[in-house]
N, C-alpha and C. Protein backbone atom coordinates (compact mmCIF):
# COMPACT_ATOMS: atom_id res chain seq x y z
N MET A 1 -8.38 -49.62 2.17
CA MET A 1 -8.23 -48.21 2.17
C MET A 1 -6.92 -47.82 1.46
N ALA A 2 -7.05 -47.25 0.44
CA ALA A 2 -5.94 -46.90 -0.35
C ALA A 2 -4.95 -45.91 0.22
N GLY A 3 -5.54 -44.93 0.84
CA GLY A 3 -4.65 -43.77 1.42
C GLY A 3 -4.14 -44.00 2.79
N SER A 4 -4.48 -45.05 3.51
CA SER A 4 -4.12 -45.11 4.89
C SER A 4 -2.74 -45.73 5.13
N LYS A 5 -1.89 -45.22 6.09
CA LYS A 5 -0.65 -45.78 6.21
C LYS A 5 -0.57 -46.93 7.33
N ASN A 6 0.19 -47.95 7.26
CA ASN A 6 0.29 -48.90 8.28
C ASN A 6 0.83 -48.29 9.56
N PRO A 7 0.29 -48.37 10.67
CA PRO A 7 1.03 -47.84 11.92
C PRO A 7 2.08 -48.62 12.44
N THR A 8 3.11 -48.09 12.83
CA THR A 8 4.28 -48.90 13.36
C THR A 8 3.98 -49.35 14.76
N PRO A 9 4.19 -50.71 15.12
CA PRO A 9 3.87 -51.28 16.49
C PRO A 9 4.72 -50.31 17.60
N THR A 10 3.95 -50.13 18.71
CA THR A 10 4.57 -49.37 19.78
C THR A 10 5.49 -50.20 20.64
N VAL A 11 5.11 -51.68 20.71
CA VAL A 11 5.79 -52.58 21.45
C VAL A 11 6.96 -53.38 20.59
N SER A 12 8.04 -53.48 21.17
CA SER A 12 9.13 -54.24 20.40
C SER A 12 8.79 -55.50 20.09
N GLU A 13 9.21 -56.10 18.95
CA GLU A 13 8.95 -57.44 18.48
C GLU A 13 9.50 -58.45 19.38
N ASP A 14 10.74 -58.09 19.89
CA ASP A 14 11.40 -58.97 20.77
C ASP A 14 10.77 -59.31 22.18
N PRO A 15 10.23 -60.45 22.50
CA PRO A 15 9.55 -60.51 23.71
C PRO A 15 10.45 -60.43 25.02
N ASN A 16 11.76 -60.51 24.71
CA ASN A 16 12.72 -60.62 25.87
C ASN A 16 13.46 -59.13 26.05
N ALA A 17 13.00 -58.30 25.25
CA ALA A 17 13.62 -56.87 25.28
C ALA A 17 13.31 -56.30 26.58
N LEU A 18 14.32 -55.57 27.03
CA LEU A 18 14.19 -55.00 28.36
C LEU A 18 13.80 -53.56 28.12
N ARG A 19 12.40 -53.23 28.52
CA ARG A 19 11.78 -51.92 28.18
C ARG A 19 11.25 -51.45 29.65
N TRP A 20 11.16 -50.16 29.76
CA TRP A 20 10.60 -49.50 30.94
C TRP A 20 9.21 -49.25 30.68
N GLY A 21 8.32 -49.29 31.84
CA GLY A 21 6.99 -48.89 31.81
C GLY A 21 6.07 -50.16 31.83
N PHE A 22 4.75 -49.92 31.70
CA PHE A 22 3.85 -51.05 31.77
C PHE A 22 3.70 -51.64 30.46
N THR A 23 4.63 -52.62 30.11
CA THR A 23 4.70 -53.31 28.84
C THR A 23 4.69 -54.75 29.13
N PRO A 24 4.17 -55.54 28.09
CA PRO A 24 4.33 -57.08 28.19
C PRO A 24 5.56 -57.49 28.54
N GLN A 25 6.69 -56.81 28.16
CA GLN A 25 8.10 -57.23 28.25
C GLN A 25 8.30 -57.19 29.72
N SER A 26 7.82 -55.91 30.44
CA SER A 26 8.15 -55.68 31.81
C SER A 26 7.47 -56.82 32.63
N GLU A 27 6.32 -57.31 32.21
CA GLU A 27 5.67 -58.33 33.05
C GLU A 27 6.38 -59.47 32.94
N ASN A 28 6.95 -59.90 31.76
CA ASN A 28 7.79 -61.07 31.61
C ASN A 28 8.84 -61.10 32.49
N TRP A 29 9.67 -59.92 32.53
CA TRP A 29 10.97 -59.78 33.38
C TRP A 29 10.50 -59.78 34.95
N ASN A 30 9.29 -59.32 35.28
CA ASN A 30 8.88 -59.11 36.65
C ASN A 30 8.59 -60.76 37.13
N GLY A 31 7.96 -61.48 36.26
CA GLY A 31 7.70 -62.96 36.66
C GLY A 31 8.86 -63.72 36.73
N ARG A 32 9.96 -63.46 35.79
CA ARG A 32 11.19 -64.11 35.96
C ARG A 32 11.94 -63.94 37.26
N PHE A 33 12.00 -62.59 37.62
CA PHE A 33 12.77 -62.23 38.76
C PHE A 33 11.98 -62.73 40.02
N ALA A 34 10.60 -62.88 40.02
CA ALA A 34 9.92 -63.26 41.09
C ALA A 34 10.07 -64.79 41.23
N MET A 35 10.21 -65.61 40.12
CA MET A 35 10.68 -67.06 40.17
C MET A 35 11.97 -67.18 40.77
N ILE A 36 12.92 -66.40 40.52
CA ILE A 36 14.26 -66.52 41.02
C ILE A 36 14.32 -66.24 42.50
N GLY A 37 13.53 -65.21 42.96
CA GLY A 37 13.40 -64.86 44.35
C GLY A 37 12.61 -66.02 45.16
N PHE A 38 11.68 -66.66 44.62
CA PHE A 38 11.01 -67.74 45.25
C PHE A 38 11.97 -68.95 45.29
N ILE A 39 12.70 -69.31 44.28
CA ILE A 39 13.58 -70.42 44.37
C ILE A 39 14.77 -70.04 45.41
N ALA A 40 15.20 -68.81 45.57
CA ALA A 40 16.30 -68.42 46.36
C ALA A 40 15.64 -68.68 47.95
N ALA A 41 14.53 -68.30 47.92
CA ALA A 41 13.94 -68.34 49.54
C ALA A 41 13.75 -69.75 49.96
N ILE A 42 13.28 -70.73 48.92
CA ILE A 42 13.24 -72.03 49.11
C ILE A 42 14.59 -72.63 49.51
N LEU A 43 15.67 -72.17 48.69
CA LEU A 43 17.00 -72.76 48.96
C LEU A 43 17.55 -72.43 50.34
N VAL A 44 17.27 -71.13 50.63
CA VAL A 44 17.71 -70.67 52.01
C VAL A 44 17.08 -71.49 53.06
N GLU A 45 15.79 -71.86 52.97
CA GLU A 45 15.16 -72.68 54.01
C GLU A 45 15.69 -74.07 54.02
N VAL A 46 15.94 -74.75 52.73
CA VAL A 46 16.36 -76.03 52.72
C VAL A 46 17.81 -76.21 53.27
N PHE A 47 18.70 -75.17 52.99
CA PHE A 47 20.12 -75.38 53.47
C PHE A 47 20.50 -74.81 54.90
N SER A 48 19.63 -73.95 55.32
CA SER A 48 20.00 -73.50 56.68
C SER A 48 19.04 -74.01 57.67
N GLY A 49 17.86 -74.57 57.34
CA GLY A 49 16.94 -75.16 58.26
C GLY A 49 16.13 -74.21 59.03
N GLN A 50 16.12 -72.86 58.49
CA GLN A 50 15.38 -71.80 59.14
C GLN A 50 14.67 -71.12 58.07
N GLY A 51 13.47 -70.36 58.63
CA GLY A 51 12.75 -69.75 57.55
C GLY A 51 13.55 -68.42 57.07
N VAL A 52 13.15 -67.85 55.97
CA VAL A 52 13.87 -66.69 55.45
C VAL A 52 14.02 -65.55 56.45
N LEU A 53 12.92 -65.31 57.05
CA LEU A 53 12.79 -64.16 58.10
C LEU A 53 13.78 -64.40 59.41
N HIS A 54 13.75 -65.76 59.82
CA HIS A 54 14.57 -66.15 60.89
C HIS A 54 16.10 -66.08 60.41
N PHE A 55 16.42 -66.50 59.18
CA PHE A 55 17.75 -66.38 58.63
C PHE A 55 18.35 -64.93 58.62
N TRP A 56 17.47 -64.17 58.25
CA TRP A 56 17.81 -62.58 58.09
C TRP A 56 17.87 -61.85 59.69
N GLY A 57 17.29 -62.59 60.64
CA GLY A 57 17.16 -62.09 61.99
C GLY A 57 16.21 -61.05 62.23
N ILE A 58 15.10 -61.15 61.40
CA ILE A 58 13.98 -60.30 61.55
C ILE A 58 13.08 -60.89 62.51
N LEU A 59 12.87 -62.13 62.70
CA LEU A 59 11.94 -62.82 63.78
C LEU A 59 12.77 -63.50 64.78
């Protein structure tokens, strides 16, 4: 097609870019923060000998 223009991509080329909304980048960041939270919960249980909810005094 000789007269058509190439559309610009709406998603950033950098997969680590911090972008708002439902984008693949936000899903990457969400997964990373979930992994950090899960590891933090495991470390609290290992070093305190209590579950996370007991450690915070919720149960």
